[in-house]
Amino acid sequence: MQARYAEITALTDALCHEKLNDEYAQVCHEMTTTLARKRPSPLMGGHAKSWACAIAYTVGSVNFLFDK
């Protein structure tokens, strides 16, 4: 699970540092941590890139990133 967590957080970190800011990276880390703690963890299924996109999109939506 640790390797999968590291893979997903590396992807979200790269996105947040390129397009967003450190606060979004922190929230993405917290969301990934919460999903990794669930048993069975949903992070084990699917592609890591898909999970990273879903996490970043969800964090952005909740914080009104896409509002005009």
PDB file of N, CA and C in Angstrom:
ATOM      1  N   MET A   1       0.824  -1.191   0.000  1.00  0.00           N
ATOM      2  CA  MET A   1       0.000   0.000   0.000  1.00  0.00           C
ATOM      3  C   MET A   1       0.869   1.257   0.000  1.00  0.00           C
ATOM      4  N   GLN A   2       2.013   1.201   0.688  1.00  0.00           N
ATOM      5  CA  GLN A   2       2.900   2.363   0.762  1.00  0.00           C
ATOM      6  C   GLN A   2       3.403   2.769  -0.625  1.00  0.00           C
ATOM      7  N   ALA A   3       3.726   1.790  -1.456  1.00  0.00           N
ATOM      8  CA  ALA A   3       4.224   2.096  -2.801  1.00  0.00           C
ATOM      9  C   ALA A   3       3.134   2.757  -3.651  1.00  0.00           C
ATOM     10  N   ARG A   4       1.923   2.263  -3.527  1.00  0.00           N
ATOM     11  CA  ARG A   4       0.797   2.841  -4.282  1.00  0.00           C
ATOM     12  C   ARG A   4       0.518   4.265  -3.811  1.00  0.00           C
ATOM     13  N   TYR A   5       0.563   4.483  -2.497  1.00  0.00           N
ATOM     14  CA  TYR A   5       0.364   5.812  -1.928  1.00  0.00           C
ATOM     15  C   TYR A   5       1.435   6.771  -2.448  1.00  0.00           C
ATOM     16  N   ALA A   6       2.680   6.339  -2.439  1.00  0.00           N
ATOM     17  CA  ALA A   6       3.782   7.177  -2.909  1.00  0.00           C
ATOM     18  C   ALA A   6       3.633   7.512  -4.389  1.00  0.00           C
ATOM     19  N   GLU A   7       3.187   6.552  -5.174  1.00  0.00           N
ATOM     20  CA  GLU A   7       2.997   6.768  -6.607  1.00  0.00           C
ATOM     21  C   GLU A   7       1.910   7.820  -6.873  1.00  0.00           C
ATOM     22  N   ILE A   8       0.798   7.710  -6.163  1.00  0.00           N
ATOM     23  CA  ILE A   8      -0.309   8.647  -6.360  1.00  0.00           C
ATOM     24  C   ILE A   8       0.048  10.036  -5.852  1.00  0.00           C
ATOM     25  N   THR A   9       0.678  10.124  -4.692  1.00  0.00           N
ATOM     26  CA  THR A   9       1.030  11.439  -4.158  1.00  0.00           C
ATOM     27  C   THR A   9       2.106  12.120  -4.999  1.00  0.00           C
ATOM     28  N   ALA A  10       2.985  11.349  -5.623  1.00  0.00           N
ATOM     29  CA  ALA A  10       3.980  11.957  -6.515  1.00  0.00           C
ATOM     30  C   ALA A  10       3.292  12.614  -7.708  1.00  0.00           C
ATOM     31  N   LEU A  11       2.272  11.961  -8.225  1.00  0.00           N
ATOM     32  CA  LEU A  11       1.529  12.525  -9.351  1.00  0.00           C
ATOM     33  C   LEU A  11       0.738  13.770  -8.943  1.00  0.00           C
ATOM     34  N   THR A  12       0.075  13.720  -7.797  1.00  0.00           N
ATOM     35  CA  THR A  12      -0.692  14.889  -7.362  1.00  0.00           C
ATOM     36  C   THR A  12       0.243  16.042  -6.994  1.00  0.00           C
ATOM     37  N   ASP A  13       1.395  15.731  -6.411  1.00  0.00           N
ATOM     38  CA  ASP A  13       2.379  16.772  -6.088  1.00  0.00           C
ATOM     39  C   ASP A  13       2.860  17.483  -7.349  1.00  0.00           C
ATOM     40  N   ALA A  14       3.162  16.705  -8.382  1.00  0.00           N
ATOM     41  CA  ALA A  14       3.640  17.299  -9.634  1.00  0.00           C
ATOM     42  C   ALA A  14       2.578  18.232 -10.227  1.00  0.00           C
ATOM     43  N   LEU A  15       1.344  17.795 -10.216  1.00  0.00           N
ATOM     44  CA  LEU A  15       0.254  18.624 -10.739  1.00  0.00           C
ATOM     45  C   LEU A  15       0.078  19.894  -9.904  1.00  0.00           C
ATOM     46  N   CYS A  16       0.052  19.739  -8.605  1.00  0.00           N
ATOM     47  CA  CYS A  16      -0.180  20.887  -7.719  1.00  0.00           C
ATOM     48  C   CYS A  16       0.957  21.901  -7.795  1.00  0.00           C
ATOM     49  N   HIS A  17       2.186  21.428  -7.913  1.00  0.00           N
ATOM     50  CA  HIS A  17       3.310  22.361  -7.976  1.00  0.00           C
ATOM     51  C   HIS A  17       3.389  23.062  -9.332  1.00  0.00           C
ATOM     52  N   GLU A  18       2.898  22.385 -10.377  1.00  0.00           N
ATOM     53  CA  GLU A  18       2.931  22.988 -11.707  1.00  0.00           C
ATOM     54  C   GLU A  18       1.761  23.938 -11.935  1.00  0.00           C
ATOM     55  N   LYS A  19       0.552  23.548 -11.523  1.00  0.00           N
ATOM     56  CA  LYS A  19      -0.645  24.302 -11.862  1.00  0.00           C
ATOM     57  C   LYS A  19      -1.330  24.993 -10.685  1.00  0.00           C
ATOM     58  N   LEU A  20      -1.154  24.487  -9.470  1.00  0.00           N
ATOM     59  CA  LEU A  20      -1.899  25.010  -8.325  1.00  0.00           C
ATOM     60  C   LEU A  20      -0.933  25.582  -7.293  1.00  0.00           C
ATOM     61  N   ASN A  21      -1.057  25.160  -6.039  1.00  0.00           N
ATOM     62  CA  ASN A  21      -0.140  25.643  -4.998  1.00  0.00           C
ATOM     63  C   ASN A  21       0.059  24.580  -3.931  1.00  0.00           C
ATOM     64  N   ASP A  22       0.846  24.908  -2.913  1.00  0.00           N
ATOM     65  CA  ASP A  22       1.182  23.943  -1.861  1.00  0.00           C
ATOM     66  C   ASP A  22      -0.020  23.559  -1.006  1.00  0.00           C
ATOM     67  N   GLU A  23      -0.980  24.458  -0.861  1.00  0.00           N
ATOM     68  CA  GLU A  23      -2.167  24.136  -0.068  1.00  0.00           C
ATOM     69  C   GLU A  23      -2.967  23.017  -0.728  1.00  0.00           C
ATOM     70  N   TYR A  24      -3.108  23.077  -2.045  1.00  0.00           N
ATOM     71  CA  TYR A  24      -3.806  22.004  -2.755  1.00  0.00           C
ATOM     72  C   TYR A  24      -3.034  20.691  -2.626  1.00  0.00           C
ATOM     73  N   ALA A  25      -1.720  20.757  -2.676  1.00  0.00           N
ATOM     74  CA  ALA A  25      -0.913  19.544  -2.513  1.00  0.00           C
ATOM     75  C   ALA A  25      -1.149  18.918  -1.146  1.00  0.00           C
ATOM     76  N   GLN A  26      -1.231  19.748  -0.110  1.00  0.00           N
ATOM     77  CA  GLN A  26      -1.466  19.250   1.244  1.00  0.00           C
ATOM     78  C   GLN A  26      -2.834  18.578   1.359  1.00  0.00           C
ATOM     79  N   VAL A  27      -3.845  19.205   0.785  1.00  0.00           N
ATOM     80  CA  VAL A  27      -5.194  18.628   0.851  1.00  0.00           C
ATOM     81  C   VAL A  27      -5.259  17.327   0.051  1.00  0.00           C
ATOM     82  N   CYS A  28      -4.571  17.281  -1.082  1.00  0.00           N
ATOM     83  CA  CYS A  28      -4.520  16.039  -1.866  1.00  0.00           C
ATOM     84  C   CYS A  28      -3.837  14.923  -1.074  1.00  0.00           C
ATOM     85  N   HIS A  29      -2.791  15.263  -0.331  1.00  0.00           N
ATOM     86  CA  HIS A  29      -2.123  14.279   0.531  1.00  0.00           C
ATOM     87  C   HIS A  29      -3.092  13.755   1.580  1.00  0.00           C
ATOM     88  N   GLU A  30      -3.838  14.651   2.190  1.00  0.00           N
ATOM     89  CA  GLU A  30      -4.786  14.237   3.228  1.00  0.00           C
ATOM     90  C   GLU A  30      -5.871  13.324   2.660  1.00  0.00           C
ATOM     91  N   MET A  31      -6.362  13.652   1.474  1.00  0.00           N
ATOM     92  CA  MET A  31      -7.402  12.824   0.859  1.00  0.00           C
ATOM     93  C   MET A  31      -6.848  11.452   0.482  1.00  0.00           C
ATOM     94  N   THR A  32      -5.635  11.414  -0.047  1.00  0.00           N
ATOM     95  CA  THR A  32      -5.017  10.139  -0.397  1.00  0.00           C
ATOM     96  C   THR A  32      -4.769   9.293   0.847  1.00  0.00           C
ATOM     97  N   THR A  33      -4.344   9.927   1.925  1.00  0.00           N
ATOM     98  CA  THR A  33      -4.121   9.220   3.188  1.00  0.00           C
ATOM     99  C   THR A  33      -5.418   8.609   3.695  1.00  0.00           C
ATOM    100  N   THR A  34      -6.490   9.367   3.622  1.00  0.00           N
ATOM    101  CA  THR A  34      -7.785   8.863   4.078  1.00  0.00           C
ATOM    102  C   THR A  34      -8.234   7.664   3.250  1.00  0.00           C
ATOM    103  N   LEU A  35      -8.049   7.740   1.937  1.00  0.00           N
ATOM    104  CA  LEU A  35      -8.431   6.617   1.078  1.00  0.00           C
ATOM    105  C   LEU A  35      -7.526   5.401   1.301  1.00  0.00           C
ATOM    106  N   ALA A  36      -6.255   5.638   1.612  1.00  0.00           N
ATOM    107  CA  ALA A  36      -5.331   4.524   1.846  1.00  0.00           C
ATOM    108  C   ALA A  36      -5.632   3.791   3.149  1.00  0.00           C
ATOM    109  N   ARG A  37      -6.218   4.481   4.104  1.00  0.00           N
ATOM    110  CA  ARG A  37      -6.522   3.863   5.406  1.00  0.00           C
ATOM    111  C   ARG A  37      -7.752   2.972   5.372  1.00  0.00           C
ATOM    112  N   LYS A  38      -8.612   3.146   4.382  1.00  0.00           N
ATOM    113  CA  LYS A  38      -9.821   2.319   4.298  1.00  0.00           C
ATOM    114  C   LYS A  38      -9.415   0.868   4.032  1.00  0.00           C
ATOM    115  N   ARG A  39     -10.187  -0.048   4.545  1.00  0.00           N
ATOM    116  CA  ARG A  39      -9.927  -1.469   4.317  1.00  0.00           C
ATOM    117  C   ARG A  39     -11.148  -2.116   3.720  1.00  0.00           C
ATOM    118  N   PRO A  40     -11.080  -2.690   2.567  1.00  0.00           N
ATOM    119  CA  PRO A  40      -9.956  -2.677   1.638  1.00  0.00           C
ATOM    120  C   PRO A  40      -9.849  -1.315   0.961  1.00  0.00           C
ATOM    121  N   SER A  41      -8.645  -0.913   0.678  1.00  0.00           N
ATOM    122  CA  SER A  41      -8.411   0.411   0.101  1.00  0.00           C
ATOM    123  C   SER A  41      -8.831   0.445  -1.362  1.00  0.00           C
ATOM    124  N   PRO A  42      -9.624   1.442  -1.737  1.00  0.00           N
ATOM    125  CA  PRO A  42     -10.021   1.547  -3.144  1.00  0.00           C
ATOM    126  C   PRO A  42      -8.854   1.944  -4.048  1.00  0.00           C
ATOM    127  N   LEU A  43      -7.763   2.441  -3.470  1.00  0.00           N
ATOM    128  CA  LEU A  43      -6.616   2.870  -4.265  1.00  0.00           C
ATOM    129  C   LEU A  43      -5.906   1.712  -4.954  1.00  0.00           C
ATOM    130  N   MET A  44      -6.135   0.495  -4.493  1.00  0.00           N
ATOM    131  CA  MET A  44      -5.456  -0.655  -5.084  1.00  0.00           C
ATOM    132  C   MET A  44      -6.018  -1.011  -6.459  1.00  0.00           C
ATOM    133  N   GLY A  45      -7.240  -0.600  -6.738  1.00  0.00           N
ATOM    134  CA  GLY A  45      -7.828  -0.862  -8.048  1.00  0.00           C
ATOM    135  C   GLY A  45      -7.643   0.329  -8.972  1.00  0.00           C
ATOM    136  N   GLY A  46      -7.599   0.088 -10.240  1.00  0.00           N
ATOM    137  CA  GLY A  46      -7.474   1.176 -11.199  1.00  0.00           C
ATOM    138  C   GLY A  46      -6.048   1.653 -11.369  1.00  0.00           C
ATOM    139  N   HIS A  47      -5.893   2.635 -12.240  1.00  0.00           N
ATOM    140  CA  HIS A  47      -4.579   3.197 -12.535  1.00  0.00           C
ATOM    141  C   HIS A  47      -4.253   4.322 -11.556  1.00  0.00           C
ATOM    142  N   ALA A  48      -2.990   4.455 -11.238  1.00  0.00           N
ATOM    143  CA  ALA A  48      -2.551   5.514 -10.322  1.00  0.00           C
ATOM    144  C   ALA A  48      -2.832   6.895 -10.912  1.00  0.00           C
ATOM    145  N   LYS A  49      -2.657   7.051 -12.216  1.00  0.00           N
ATOM    146  CA  LYS A  49      -2.937   8.335 -12.863  1.00  0.00           C
ATOM    147  C   LYS A  49      -4.413   8.701 -12.749  1.00  0.00           C
ATOM    148  N   SER A  50      -5.268   7.716 -12.867  1.00  0.00           N
ATOM    149  CA  SER A  50      -6.710   7.968 -12.733  1.00  0.00           C
ATOM    150  C   SER A  50      -7.051   8.414 -11.320  1.00  0.00           C
ATOM    151  N   TRP A  51      -6.452   7.775 -10.326  1.00  0.00           N
ATOM    152  CA  TRP A  51      -6.693   8.177  -8.937  1.00  0.00           C
ATOM    153  C   TRP A  51      -6.152   9.570  -8.660  1.00  0.00           C
ATOM    154  N   ALA A  52      -4.981   9.887  -9.182  1.00  0.00           N
ATOM    155  CA  ALA A  52      -4.404  11.210  -8.975  1.00  0.00           C
ATOM    156  C   ALA A  52      -5.297  12.286  -9.598  1.00  0.00           C
ATOM    157  N   CYS A  53      -5.786  12.032 -10.786  1.00  0.00           N
ATOM    158  CA  CYS A  53      -6.696  12.986 -11.441  1.00  0.00           C
ATOM    159  C   CYS A  53      -7.992  13.134 -10.657  1.00  0.00           C
ATOM    160  N   ALA A  54      -8.546  12.031 -10.203  1.00  0.00           N
ATOM    161  CA  ALA A  54      -9.800  12.076  -9.455  1.00  0.00           C
ATOM    162  C   ALA A  54      -9.640  12.839  -8.143  1.00  0.00           C
ATOM    163  N   ILE A  55      -8.544  12.620  -7.468  1.00  0.00           N
ATOM    164  CA  ILE A  55      -8.297  13.306  -6.196  1.00  0.00           C
ATOM    165  C   ILE A  55      -8.124  14.803  -6.424  1.00  0.00           C
ATOM    166  N   ALA A  56      -7.309  15.176  -7.412  1.00  0.00           N
ATOM    167  CA  ALA A  56      -7.090  16.601  -7.698  1.00  0.00           C
ATOM    168  C   ALA A  56      -8.391  17.267  -8.158  1.00  0.00           C
ATOM    169  N   TYR A  57      -9.167  16.588  -8.974  1.00  0.00           N
ATOM    170  CA  TYR A  57     -10.432  17.144  -9.454  1.00  0.00           C
ATOM    171  C   TYR A  57     -11.416  17.338  -8.303  1.00  0.00           C
ATOM    172  N   THR A  58     -11.508  16.370  -7.433  1.00  0.00           N
ATOM    173  CA  THR A  58     -12.423  16.462  -6.296  1.00  0.00           C
ATOM    174  C   THR A  58     -12.026  17.600  -5.363  1.00  0.00           C
ATOM    175  N   VAL A  59     -10.757  17.714  -5.069  1.00  0.00           N
ATOM    176  CA  VAL A  59     -10.282  18.798  -4.200  1.00  0.00           C
ATOM    177  C   VAL A  59     -10.558  20.150  -4.856  1.00  0.00           C
ATOM    178  N   GLY A  60     -10.314  20.248  -6.146  1.00  0.00           N
ATOM    179  CA  GLY A  60     -10.596  21.490  -6.855  1.00  0.00           C
ATOM    180  C   GLY A  60     -12.071  21.832  -6.887  1.00  0.00           C
ATOM    181  N   SER A  61     -12.919  20.841  -7.082  1.00  0.00           N
ATOM    182  CA  SER A  61     -14.368  21.073  -7.119  1.00  0.00           C
ATOM    183  C   SER A  61     -14.898  21.545  -5.777  1.00  0.00           C
ATOM    184  N   VAL A  62     -14.442  20.927  -4.724  1.00  0.00           N
ATOM    185  CA  VAL A  62     -14.896  21.299  -3.387  1.00  0.00           C
ATOM    186  C   VAL A  62     -14.459  22.717  -3.037  1.00  0.00           C
ATOM    187  N   ASN A  63     -13.317  23.143  -3.576  1.00  0.00           N
ATOM    188  CA  ASN A  63     -12.791  24.472  -3.298  1.00  0.00           C
ATOM    189  C   ASN A  63     -13.134  25.486  -4.389  1.00  0.00           C
ATOM    190  N   PHE A  64     -14.138  25.184  -5.193  1.00  0.00           N
ATOM    191  CA  PHE A  64     -14.668  26.098  -6.212  1.00  0.00           C
ATOM    192  C   PHE A  64     -13.619  26.523  -7.236  1.00  0.00           C
ATOM    193  N   LEU A  65     -12.698  25.645  -7.568  1.00  0.00           N
ATOM    194  CA  LEU A  65     -11.631  25.959  -8.514  1.00  0.00           C
ATOM    195  C   LEU A  65     -12.178  26.184  -9.929  1.00  0.00           C
ATOM    196  N   PHE A  66     -13.284  25.527 -10.268  1.00  0.00           N
ATOM    197  CA  PHE A  66     -13.809  25.581 -11.622  1.00  0.00           C
ATOM    198  C   PHE A  66     -14.926  26.595 -11.810  1.00  0.00           C
ATOM    199  N   ASP A  67     -15.266  27.322 -10.749  1.00  0.00           N
ATOM    200  CA  ASP A  67     -16.307  28.344 -10.857  1.00  0.00           C
ATOM    201  C   ASP A  67     -15.789  29.547 -11.635  1.00  0.00           C
ATOM    202  N   LYS A  68     -16.688  30.209 -12.306  1.00  0.00           N
ATOM    203  CA  LYS A  68     -16.300  31.388 -13.077  1.00  0.00           C
ATOM    204  C   LYS A  68     -16.230  32.614 -12.205  1.00  0.00           C
TER     205      LYS A  68
END
